[in-house]
Amino acid sequence: MREVEEGKKAITYKMEVNPAKLMEEIYASIPELAPRFTEEGTEVHLRVFTNGNILTLWVDEEVEESLINVVVKAHKAGEE
C-alpha cells in the first residue's frame, strides 16, 4: 500500500458513525477517493479514523471539502 502524506488534509467532525458504511458512501459519491490498484501497489486516497465521537477523514488536498460534508451529513441523517 502506498500512501503519500504530502498533499493531504484532515477534516474532523464531532459525531458517531459506522466507519465502513461511511467509506462506502464516500466512495460511491466521490469515486476519485476509492483505492486504486496499480502496478506499484494500492494507492490510498481516503483514511477514516474514529476516537469515540470524533471522526477524522484524511483526504487528498484537492478534494472539495463541501462534497465530503454533503456525504457525511447524509450519513448522519440516515443513522437517526
C-alpha atoms as a PDB file:
ATOM      1  CA  MET A   1       0.000   0.000   0.000  1.00  0.00           C
ATOM      2  CA  ARG A   2       1.380   3.377  -0.966  1.00  0.00           C
ATOM      3  CA  GLU A   3       0.354   6.458   0.986  1.00  0.00           C
ATOM      4  CA  VAL A   4       1.691   9.922   0.400  1.00  0.00           C
ATOM      5  CA  GLU A   5       1.383  12.227   3.390  1.00  0.00           C
ATOM      6  CA  GLU A   6       2.304  15.252   1.324  1.00  0.00           C
ATOM      7  CA  GLY A   7      -0.761  16.882  -0.205  1.00  0.00           C
ATOM      8  CA  LYS A   8      -3.221  15.520   2.373  1.00  0.00           C
ATOM      9  CA  LYS A   9      -5.615  17.313   4.691  1.00  0.00           C
ATOM     10  CA  ALA A  10      -7.551  16.218   7.746  1.00  0.00           C
ATOM     11  CA  ILE A  11     -11.251  17.003   8.083  1.00  0.00           C
ATOM     12  CA  THR A  12     -12.665  16.492  11.575  1.00  0.00           C
ATOM     13  CA  TYR A  13     -16.270  16.079  12.718  1.00  0.00           C
ATOM     14  CA  LYS A  14     -17.829  15.508  16.118  1.00  0.00           C
ATOM     15  CA  MET A  15     -20.241  12.642  15.521  1.00  0.00           C
ATOM     16  CA  GLU A  16     -20.513   8.883  15.825  1.00  0.00           C
ATOM     17  CA  VAL A  17     -20.550   6.952  12.560  1.00  0.00           C
ATOM     18  CA  ASN A  18     -20.354   3.485  11.104  1.00  0.00           C
ATOM     19  CA  PRO A  19     -16.872   3.894   9.537  1.00  0.00           C
ATOM     20  CA  ALA A  20     -17.189   1.069   6.986  1.00  0.00           C
ATOM     21  CA  LYS A  21     -20.596   2.274   5.786  1.00  0.00           C
ATOM     22  CA  LEU A  22     -19.396   5.883   5.624  1.00  0.00           C
ATOM     23  CA  MET A  23     -16.389   4.888   3.494  1.00  0.00           C
ATOM     24  CA  GLU A  24     -18.682   3.008   1.085  1.00  0.00           C
ATOM     25  CA  GLU A  25     -20.946   6.066   0.831  1.00  0.00           C
ATOM     26  CA  ILE A  26     -17.980   8.364   0.187  1.00  0.00           C
ATOM     27  CA  TYR A  27     -16.553   6.029  -2.486  1.00  0.00           C
ATOM     28  CA  ALA A  28     -19.975   5.887  -4.196  1.00  0.00           C
ATOM     29  CA  SER A  29     -20.342   9.682  -4.187  1.00  0.00           C
ATOM     30  CA  ILE A  30     -16.701  10.643  -4.809  1.00  0.00           C
ATOM     31  CA  PRO A  31     -15.143   7.821  -6.862  1.00  0.00           C
ATOM     32  CA  GLU A  32     -11.743   9.533  -7.088  1.00  0.00           C
ATOM     33  CA  LEU A  33     -11.270   8.738  -3.373  1.00  0.00           C
ATOM     34  CA  ALA A  34     -11.633   4.983  -3.894  1.00  0.00           C
ATOM     35  CA  PRO A  35      -8.419   2.941  -3.655  1.00  0.00           C
ATOM     36  CA  ARG A  36      -6.627   2.407  -6.946  1.00  0.00           C
ATOM     37  CA  PHE A  37      -4.731  -0.761  -7.741  1.00  0.00           C
ATOM     38  CA  THR A  38      -1.652  -0.046  -9.858  1.00  0.00           C
ATOM     39  CA  GLU A  39       1.488  -1.909 -10.847  1.00  0.00           C
ATOM     40  CA  GLU A  40       3.233  -0.106  -7.971  1.00  0.00           C
ATOM     41  CA  GLY A  41       0.635  -1.224  -5.430  1.00  0.00           C
ATOM     42  CA  THR A  42      -2.533   0.155  -3.906  1.00  0.00           C
ATOM     43  CA  GLU A  43      -2.975   3.933  -3.796  1.00  0.00           C
ATOM     44  CA  VAL A  44      -4.998   5.124  -0.801  1.00  0.00           C
ATOM     45  CA  HIS A  45      -6.877   8.432  -1.117  1.00  0.00           C
ATOM     46  CA  LEU A  46      -9.125   8.254   1.964  1.00  0.00           C
ATOM     47  CA  ARG A  47      -8.415   7.246   5.542  1.00  0.00           C
ATOM     48  CA  VAL A  48     -11.078   7.229   8.250  1.00  0.00           C
ATOM     49  CA  PHE A  49     -10.145   7.479  11.922  1.00  0.00           C
ATOM     50  CA  THR A  50     -12.578   7.414  14.847  1.00  0.00           C
ATOM     51  CA  ASN A  51     -11.986   8.057  18.519  1.00  0.00           C
ATOM     52  CA  GLY A  52     -15.253   7.963  20.426  1.00  0.00           C
ATOM     53  CA  ASN A  53     -17.434  10.592  18.783  1.00  0.00           C
ATOM     54  CA  ILE A  54     -14.545  12.265  16.923  1.00  0.00           C
ATOM     55  CA  LEU A  55     -14.345  11.401  13.217  1.00  0.00           C
ATOM     56  CA  THR A  56     -11.277  12.387  11.205  1.00  0.00           C
ATOM     57  CA  LEU A  57     -11.082  11.934   7.446  1.00  0.00           C
ATOM     58  CA  TRP A  58      -7.662  12.138   5.812  1.00  0.00           C
ATOM     59  CA  VAL A  59      -8.045  13.013   2.110  1.00  0.00           C
ATOM     60  CA  ASP A  60      -6.160  14.485  -0.820  1.00  0.00           C
ATOM     61  CA  GLU A  61      -5.877  18.278  -0.544  1.00  0.00           C
ATOM     62  CA  GLU A  62      -7.587  18.921  -3.874  1.00  0.00           C
ATOM     63  CA  VAL A  63     -10.818  17.189  -2.818  1.00  0.00           C
ATOM     64  CA  GLU A  64     -13.621  19.687  -2.284  1.00  0.00           C
ATOM     65  CA  GLU A  65     -14.453  19.668   1.411  1.00  0.00           C
ATOM     66  CA  SER A  66     -18.052  20.627   0.611  1.00  0.00           C
ATOM     67  CA  LEU A  67     -18.528  17.314  -1.257  1.00  0.00           C
ATOM     68  CA  ILE A  68     -17.297  15.380   1.774  1.00  0.00           C
ATOM     69  CA  ASN A  69     -19.593  17.434   4.049  1.00  0.00           C
ATOM     70  CA  VAL A  70     -22.657  16.508   1.984  1.00  0.00           C
ATOM     71  CA  VAL A  71     -21.892  12.780   2.241  1.00  0.00           C
ATOM     72  CA  VAL A  72     -21.088  12.927   5.967  1.00  0.00           C
ATOM     73  CA  LYS A  73     -24.258  14.898   6.758  1.00  0.00           C
ATOM     74  CA  ALA A  74     -26.369  12.476   4.696  1.00  0.00           C
ATOM     75  CA  HIS A  75     -24.761   9.564   6.574  1.00  0.00           C
ATOM     76  CA  LYS A  76     -25.584  11.189   9.912  1.00  0.00           C
ATOM     77  CA  ALA A  77     -29.186  11.843   8.827  1.00  0.00           C
ATOM     78  CA  GLY A  78     -29.514   8.216   7.717  1.00  0.00           C
ATOM     79  CA  GLU A  79     -28.344   6.982  11.124  1.00  0.00           C
ATOM     80  CA  GLU A  80     -31.002   8.942  13.039  1.00  0.00           C
END
